[in-house]
Amino acid sequence: QSKPRDLQRWRCEVEVMPADGECEMQDLFDALKCSLIPNAKWIGFRREEIFYGLCKLVAICFIDNTHDESNPADTSAVEIMLEQVRGMFKVQSVRLLSQTSSQGHDPFTVCQGIFHDDA
């Protein structure tokens, strides 16, 4: 029986080009959230116009990457996520824009705690 070696949490920004110009960005993001990508938690997105009404989606997710001794290729959870997004019906292409180590708390949770009134 294998044991996980270590756990790393990543915050990733992923550029997703829709398969056609008629695709709504909210629908595309909802499809990402409903996908069964292991260890991925999709938290938000922004829409970026490319030209003449054609848009791309920049989605943000957190990924818990566990390196497992039973995985001989040592494929990271980020690589697995990118491959699975590439295979989605509504997606033309996907590109990892940023991947930063996420140590500690989610910034949204921290801000909520700062401005929360217990009175």
N, C-alpha and C. Protein backbone atom coordinates (compact mmCIF):
# COMPACT_ATOMS: atom_id res chain seq x y z
N GLN A 1 0.85 -1.18 0.00
CA GLN A 1 0.00 0.00 0.00
C GLN A 1 0.89 1.24 0.00
N SER A 2 0.60 2.17 -0.89
CA SER A 2 1.43 3.36 -1.00
C SER A 2 0.94 4.46 -0.06
N LYS A 3 1.86 5.34 0.28
CA LYS A 3 1.55 6.46 1.15
C LYS A 3 1.85 7.76 0.40
N PRO A 4 1.01 8.79 0.58
CA PRO A 4 1.32 10.07 -0.05
C PRO A 4 2.64 10.61 0.51
N ARG A 5 3.46 11.19 -0.37
CA ARG A 5 4.75 11.74 0.05
C ARG A 5 4.60 13.14 0.63
N ASP A 6 3.90 14.01 -0.04
CA ASP A 6 3.70 15.36 0.47
C ASP A 6 2.49 15.99 -0.22
N LEU A 7 2.02 17.09 0.36
CA LEU A 7 0.84 17.78 -0.17
C LEU A 7 1.23 19.22 -0.46
N GLN A 8 0.91 19.67 -1.65
CA GLN A 8 1.18 21.04 -2.06
C GLN A 8 -0.11 21.63 -2.61
N ARG A 9 -0.46 22.83 -2.16
CA ARG A 9 -1.66 23.49 -2.67
C ARG A 9 -1.23 24.60 -3.63
N TRP A 10 -1.85 24.60 -4.81
CA TRP A 10 -1.53 25.57 -5.85
C TRP A 10 -2.74 26.43 -6.17
N ARG A 11 -2.49 27.71 -6.45
CA ARG A 11 -3.51 28.61 -6.99
C ARG A 11 -3.14 28.79 -8.46
N CYS A 12 -4.06 28.41 -9.34
CA CYS A 12 -3.79 28.45 -10.77
C CYS A 12 -4.75 29.38 -11.49
N GLU A 13 -4.22 30.10 -12.48
CA GLU A 13 -5.05 30.85 -13.42
C GLU A 13 -4.90 30.15 -14.75
N VAL A 14 -6.05 29.83 -15.34
CA VAL A 14 -6.07 29.04 -16.56
C VAL A 14 -6.84 29.80 -17.64
N GLU A 15 -6.21 29.97 -18.80
CA GLU A 15 -6.87 30.61 -19.94
C GLU A 15 -7.58 29.53 -20.75
N VAL A 16 -8.88 29.71 -20.93
CA VAL A 16 -9.68 28.73 -21.67
C VAL A 16 -10.30 29.42 -22.87
N MET A 17 -9.97 28.92 -24.05
CA MET A 17 -10.58 29.44 -25.29
C MET A 17 -11.78 28.57 -25.63
N PRO A 18 -12.96 29.18 -25.75
CA PRO A 18 -14.16 28.39 -26.07
C PRO A 18 -14.10 27.85 -27.50
N ALA A 19 -14.83 26.78 -27.72
CA ALA A 19 -14.85 26.13 -29.04
C ALA A 19 -15.53 27.00 -30.10
N ASP A 20 -16.44 27.87 -29.68
CA ASP A 20 -17.08 28.78 -30.63
C ASP A 20 -17.38 30.12 -29.96
N GLY A 21 -17.62 31.13 -30.78
CA GLY A 21 -17.86 32.47 -30.27
C GLY A 21 -19.20 32.66 -29.61
N GLU A 22 -20.09 31.69 -29.75
CA GLU A 22 -21.43 31.79 -29.18
C GLU A 22 -21.49 31.29 -27.74
N CYS A 23 -20.43 30.71 -27.26
CA CYS A 23 -20.41 30.11 -25.93
C CYS A 23 -20.41 31.21 -24.86
N GLU A 24 -21.31 31.11 -23.90
CA GLU A 24 -21.36 32.05 -22.79
C GLU A 24 -20.28 31.67 -21.77
N MET A 25 -19.56 32.67 -21.29
CA MET A 25 -18.47 32.41 -20.34
C MET A 25 -18.98 31.80 -19.03
N GLN A 26 -20.15 32.24 -18.56
CA GLN A 26 -20.70 31.68 -17.34
C GLN A 26 -21.01 30.19 -17.52
N ASP A 27 -21.55 29.83 -18.70
CA ASP A 27 -21.83 28.41 -18.98
C ASP A 27 -20.54 27.59 -19.01
N LEU A 28 -19.50 28.16 -19.60
CA LEU A 28 -18.22 27.46 -19.66
C LEU A 28 -17.63 27.26 -18.27
N PHE A 29 -17.72 28.31 -17.43
CA PHE A 29 -17.21 28.20 -16.07
C PHE A 29 -18.03 27.19 -15.26
N ASP A 30 -19.36 27.20 -15.45
CA ASP A 30 -20.21 26.22 -14.76
C ASP A 30 -19.83 24.79 -15.16
N ALA A 31 -19.48 24.60 -16.43
CA ALA A 31 -19.05 23.27 -16.89
C ALA A 31 -17.75 22.86 -16.19
N LEU A 32 -16.84 23.83 -15.99
CA LEU A 32 -15.59 23.53 -15.27
C LEU A 32 -15.90 23.13 -13.83
N LYS A 33 -16.79 23.89 -13.18
CA LYS A 33 -17.13 23.60 -11.79
C LYS A 33 -17.80 22.24 -11.63
N CYS A 34 -18.57 21.83 -12.64
CA CYS A 34 -19.28 20.54 -12.56
C CYS A 34 -18.42 19.36 -12.99
N SER A 35 -17.26 19.64 -13.57
CA SER A 35 -16.40 18.55 -14.03
C SER A 35 -15.85 17.78 -12.84
N LEU A 36 -15.45 16.58 -13.08
CA LEU A 36 -14.95 15.72 -12.02
C LEU A 36 -13.42 15.71 -12.01
N ILE A 37 -12.82 16.89 -12.09
CA ILE A 37 -11.37 16.99 -12.07
C ILE A 37 -10.90 16.81 -10.63
N PRO A 38 -10.07 15.80 -10.39
CA PRO A 38 -9.66 15.51 -9.01
C PRO A 38 -8.87 16.64 -8.37
N ASN A 39 -9.18 16.91 -7.11
CA ASN A 39 -8.46 17.86 -6.27
C ASN A 39 -8.55 19.31 -6.73
N ALA A 40 -9.48 19.65 -7.64
CA ALA A 40 -9.61 21.03 -8.14
C ALA A 40 -10.86 21.68 -7.56
N LYS A 41 -10.68 22.91 -7.08
CA LYS A 41 -11.80 23.71 -6.59
C LYS A 41 -11.80 25.03 -7.37
N TRP A 42 -12.80 25.19 -8.25
CA TRP A 42 -12.89 26.37 -9.10
C TRP A 42 -13.56 27.48 -8.29
N ILE A 43 -12.89 28.64 -8.18
CA ILE A 43 -13.42 29.69 -7.29
C ILE A 43 -13.90 30.94 -8.02
N GLY A 44 -13.53 31.14 -9.26
CA GLY A 44 -13.99 32.33 -9.96
C GLY A 44 -13.42 32.43 -11.35
N PHE A 45 -13.89 33.44 -12.08
CA PHE A 45 -13.39 33.66 -13.44
C PHE A 45 -13.55 35.12 -13.82
N ARG A 46 -12.83 35.48 -14.85
CA ARG A 46 -13.04 36.78 -15.49
C ARG A 46 -13.09 36.55 -17.00
N ARG A 47 -13.82 37.39 -17.65
CA ARG A 47 -13.97 37.32 -19.10
C ARG A 47 -13.05 38.36 -19.71
N GLU A 48 -12.24 37.96 -20.68
CA GLU A 48 -11.35 38.90 -21.37
C GLU A 48 -11.67 38.90 -22.85
N GLU A 49 -11.94 40.10 -23.35
CA GLU A 49 -12.23 40.24 -24.77
C GLU A 49 -10.94 40.17 -25.57
N ILE A 50 -10.97 39.40 -26.65
CA ILE A 50 -9.79 39.26 -27.51
C ILE A 50 -9.88 40.29 -28.63
N PHE A 51 -10.96 40.22 -29.40
CA PHE A 51 -11.24 41.22 -30.43
C PHE A 51 -12.64 41.01 -30.97
N TYR A 52 -13.29 42.08 -31.39
CA TYR A 52 -14.60 42.06 -32.04
C TYR A 52 -15.61 41.14 -31.37
N GLY A 53 -15.71 41.20 -30.06
CA GLY A 53 -16.70 40.42 -29.33
C GLY A 53 -16.29 38.99 -29.02
N LEU A 54 -15.16 38.55 -29.52
CA LEU A 54 -14.68 37.20 -29.20
C LEU A 54 -13.98 37.26 -27.85
N CYS A 55 -14.38 36.37 -26.93
CA CYS A 55 -13.86 36.41 -25.56
C CYS A 55 -13.21 35.09 -25.18
N LYS A 56 -12.36 35.19 -24.17
CA LYS A 56 -11.78 34.00 -23.56
C LYS A 56 -12.09 34.06 -22.07
N LEU A 57 -11.99 32.92 -21.43
CA LEU A 57 -12.26 32.79 -20.01
C LEU A 57 -10.93 32.61 -19.28
N VAL A 58 -10.74 33.38 -18.21
CA VAL A 58 -9.59 33.16 -17.34
C VAL A 58 -10.16 32.69 -16.01
N ALA A 59 -9.99 31.41 -15.73
CA ALA A 59 -10.58 30.79 -14.54
C ALA A 59 -9.50 30.62 -13.47
N ILE A 60 -9.95 30.73 -12.22
CA ILE A 60 -9.05 30.58 -11.08
C ILE A 60 -9.47 29.35 -10.28
N CYS A 61 -8.51 28.53 -9.95
CA CYS A 61 -8.82 27.35 -9.14
C CYS A 61 -7.70 27.06 -8.15
N PHE A 62 -8.05 26.33 -7.12
CA PHE A 62 -7.08 25.80 -6.18
C PHE A 62 -6.97 24.31 -6.44
N ILE A 63 -5.74 23.81 -6.43
CA ILE A 63 -5.51 22.38 -6.65
C ILE A 63 -4.62 21.85 -5.54
N ASP A 64 -5.08 20.79 -4.91
CA ASP A 64 -4.27 20.09 -3.93
C ASP A 64 -3.52 18.99 -4.67
N ASN A 65 -2.21 19.10 -4.68
CA ASN A 65 -1.37 18.16 -5.43
C ASN A 65 -0.68 17.22 -4.47
N THR A 66 -1.10 15.97 -4.46
CA THR A 66 -0.46 14.97 -3.63
C THR A 66 0.43 14.11 -4.50
N HIS A 67 1.70 14.06 -4.19
CA HIS A 67 2.62 13.17 -4.90
C HIS A 67 2.51 11.79 -4.26
N ASP A 68 2.21 10.82 -5.07
CA ASP A 68 1.95 9.48 -4.56
C ASP A 68 2.99 8.51 -5.11
N GLU A 69 3.51 7.65 -4.27
CA GLU A 69 4.53 6.69 -4.69
C GLU A 69 3.98 5.69 -5.71
N SER A 70 2.67 5.53 -5.77
CA SER A 70 2.09 4.58 -6.73
C SER A 70 1.97 5.18 -8.12
N ASN A 71 2.28 6.47 -8.28
CA ASN A 71 2.20 7.14 -9.58
C ASN A 71 3.62 7.19 -10.17
N PRO A 72 3.98 6.20 -11.00
CA PRO A 72 5.36 6.13 -11.49
C PRO A 72 5.75 7.33 -12.35
N ALA A 73 4.80 7.90 -13.06
CA ALA A 73 5.11 9.06 -13.91
C ALA A 73 5.17 10.34 -13.08
N ASP A 74 4.66 10.28 -11.84
CA ASP A 74 4.63 11.43 -10.94
C ASP A 74 3.93 12.62 -11.61
N THR A 75 2.84 12.35 -12.30
CA THR A 75 2.08 13.38 -12.97
C THR A 75 1.41 14.26 -11.93
N SER A 76 1.58 15.57 -12.06
CA SER A 76 1.02 16.48 -11.07
C SER A 76 -0.47 16.67 -11.31
N ALA A 77 -1.17 17.06 -10.26
CA ALA A 77 -2.60 17.32 -10.36
C ALA A 77 -2.88 18.47 -11.31
N VAL A 78 -1.95 19.43 -11.42
CA VAL A 78 -2.12 20.55 -12.35
C VAL A 78 -2.10 20.05 -13.79
N GLU A 79 -1.16 19.17 -14.12
CA GLU A 79 -1.09 18.59 -15.46
C GLU A 79 -2.34 17.78 -15.78
N ILE A 80 -2.82 17.03 -14.80
CA ILE A 80 -4.04 16.24 -14.99
C ILE A 80 -5.22 17.17 -15.25
N MET A 81 -5.33 18.26 -14.48
CA MET A 81 -6.41 19.22 -14.67
C MET A 81 -6.37 19.82 -16.07
N LEU A 82 -5.19 20.23 -16.54
CA LEU A 82 -5.08 20.81 -17.88
C LEU A 82 -5.51 19.83 -18.96
N GLU A 83 -5.10 18.57 -18.85
CA GLU A 83 -5.50 17.56 -19.83
C GLU A 83 -7.01 17.35 -19.83
N GLN A 84 -7.61 17.33 -18.66
CA GLN A 84 -9.06 17.11 -18.60
C GLN A 84 -9.84 18.31 -19.13
N VAL A 85 -9.36 19.51 -18.88
CA VAL A 85 -10.03 20.70 -19.44
C VAL A 85 -9.89 20.70 -20.96
N ARG A 86 -8.72 20.34 -21.48
CA ARG A 86 -8.52 20.25 -22.94
C ARG A 86 -9.52 19.30 -23.59
N GLY A 87 -9.90 18.26 -22.88
CA GLY A 87 -10.80 17.26 -23.43
C GLY A 87 -12.28 17.60 -23.34
N MET A 88 -12.60 18.75 -22.74
CA MET A 88 -14.02 19.12 -22.60
C MET A 88 -14.60 19.55 -23.94
N PHE A 89 -15.88 19.28 -24.12
CA PHE A 89 -16.58 19.52 -25.38
C PHE A 89 -16.56 21.00 -25.79
N LYS A 90 -16.73 21.92 -24.86
CA LYS A 90 -16.86 23.34 -25.17
C LYS A 90 -15.51 24.06 -25.30
N VAL A 91 -14.40 23.34 -25.16
CA VAL A 91 -13.08 23.97 -25.10
C VAL A 91 -12.28 23.74 -26.37
N GLN A 92 -11.73 24.84 -26.93
CA GLN A 92 -10.85 24.74 -28.07
C GLN A 92 -9.40 24.54 -27.61
N SER A 93 -8.98 25.34 -26.62
CA SER A 93 -7.63 25.21 -26.10
C SER A 93 -7.58 25.71 -24.66
N VAL A 94 -6.52 25.31 -23.97
CA VAL A 94 -6.32 25.73 -22.58
C VAL A 94 -4.83 25.98 -22.35
N ARG A 95 -4.55 26.98 -21.51
CA ARG A 95 -3.16 27.33 -21.23
C ARG A 95 -3.04 27.77 -19.77
N LEU A 96 -2.04 27.28 -19.10
CA LEU A 96 -1.79 27.67 -17.72
C LEU A 96 -1.10 29.03 -17.73
N LEU A 97 -1.75 30.05 -17.13
CA LEU A 97 -1.18 31.39 -17.08
C LEU A 97 -0.28 31.58 -15.87
N SER A 98 -0.72 31.06 -14.73
CA SER A 98 0.11 31.17 -13.53
C SER A 98 -0.18 30.02 -12.59
N GLN A 99 0.83 29.68 -11.82
CA GLN A 99 0.73 28.63 -10.82
C GLN A 99 1.58 29.07 -9.64
N THR A 100 0.92 29.42 -8.54
CA THR A 100 1.66 29.88 -7.37
C THR A 100 1.30 29.02 -6.18
N SER A 101 2.28 28.82 -5.34
CA SER A 101 2.07 28.04 -4.13
C SER A 101 1.12 28.80 -3.22
N SER A 102 0.14 28.10 -2.70
CA SER A 102 -0.86 28.72 -1.84
C SER A 102 -0.67 28.20 -0.43
N GLN A 103 0.13 28.90 0.34
CA GLN A 103 0.36 28.53 1.73
C GLN A 103 -0.60 29.33 2.60
N GLY A 104 -1.27 28.67 3.50
CA GLY A 104 -2.16 29.39 4.41
C GLY A 104 -3.57 29.48 3.88
N HIS A 105 -4.21 30.59 4.19
CA HIS A 105 -5.63 30.75 3.93
C HIS A 105 -5.90 31.39 2.58
N ASP A 106 -7.08 31.12 2.07
CA ASP A 106 -7.60 31.74 0.87
C ASP A 106 -7.80 33.24 1.15
N PRO A 107 -7.35 34.15 0.26
CA PRO A 107 -7.50 35.59 0.51
C PRO A 107 -8.94 36.03 0.75
N PHE A 108 -9.89 35.38 0.09
CA PHE A 108 -11.29 35.73 0.29
C PHE A 108 -11.73 35.44 1.72
N THR A 109 -11.27 34.34 2.27
CA THR A 109 -11.60 33.98 3.65
C THR A 109 -10.97 34.96 4.63
N VAL A 110 -9.72 35.36 4.37
CA VAL A 110 -9.04 36.32 5.24
C VAL A 110 -9.78 37.65 5.25
N CYS A 111 -10.15 38.16 4.08
CA CYS A 111 -10.87 39.44 4.00
C CYS A 111 -12.22 39.36 4.68
N GLN A 112 -12.90 38.26 4.53
CA GLN A 112 -14.19 38.09 5.17
C GLN A 112 -14.03 38.14 6.69
N GLY A 113 -12.97 37.54 7.23
CA GLY A 113 -12.72 37.56 8.66
C GLY A 113 -12.37 38.94 9.17
N ILE A 114 -11.67 39.72 8.36
CA ILE A 114 -11.29 41.08 8.78
C ILE A 114 -12.51 41.97 8.91
N PHE A 115 -13.42 41.86 7.96
CA PHE A 115 -14.57 42.77 7.91
C PHE A 115 -15.84 42.20 8.53
N HIS A 116 -15.75 41.05 9.16
CA HIS A 116 -16.91 40.43 9.78
C HIS A 116 -17.20 41.08 11.13
N ASP A 117 -18.47 41.42 11.36
CA ASP A 117 -18.88 42.07 12.59
C ASP A 117 -19.66 41.06 13.43
N ASP A 118 -19.13 40.73 14.61
CA ASP A 118 -19.79 39.75 15.48
C ASP A 118 -20.84 40.38 16.38
N ALA A 119 -21.03 41.69 16.31
CA ALA A 119 -21.97 42.38 17.21
C ALA A 119 -23.40 42.05 16.91
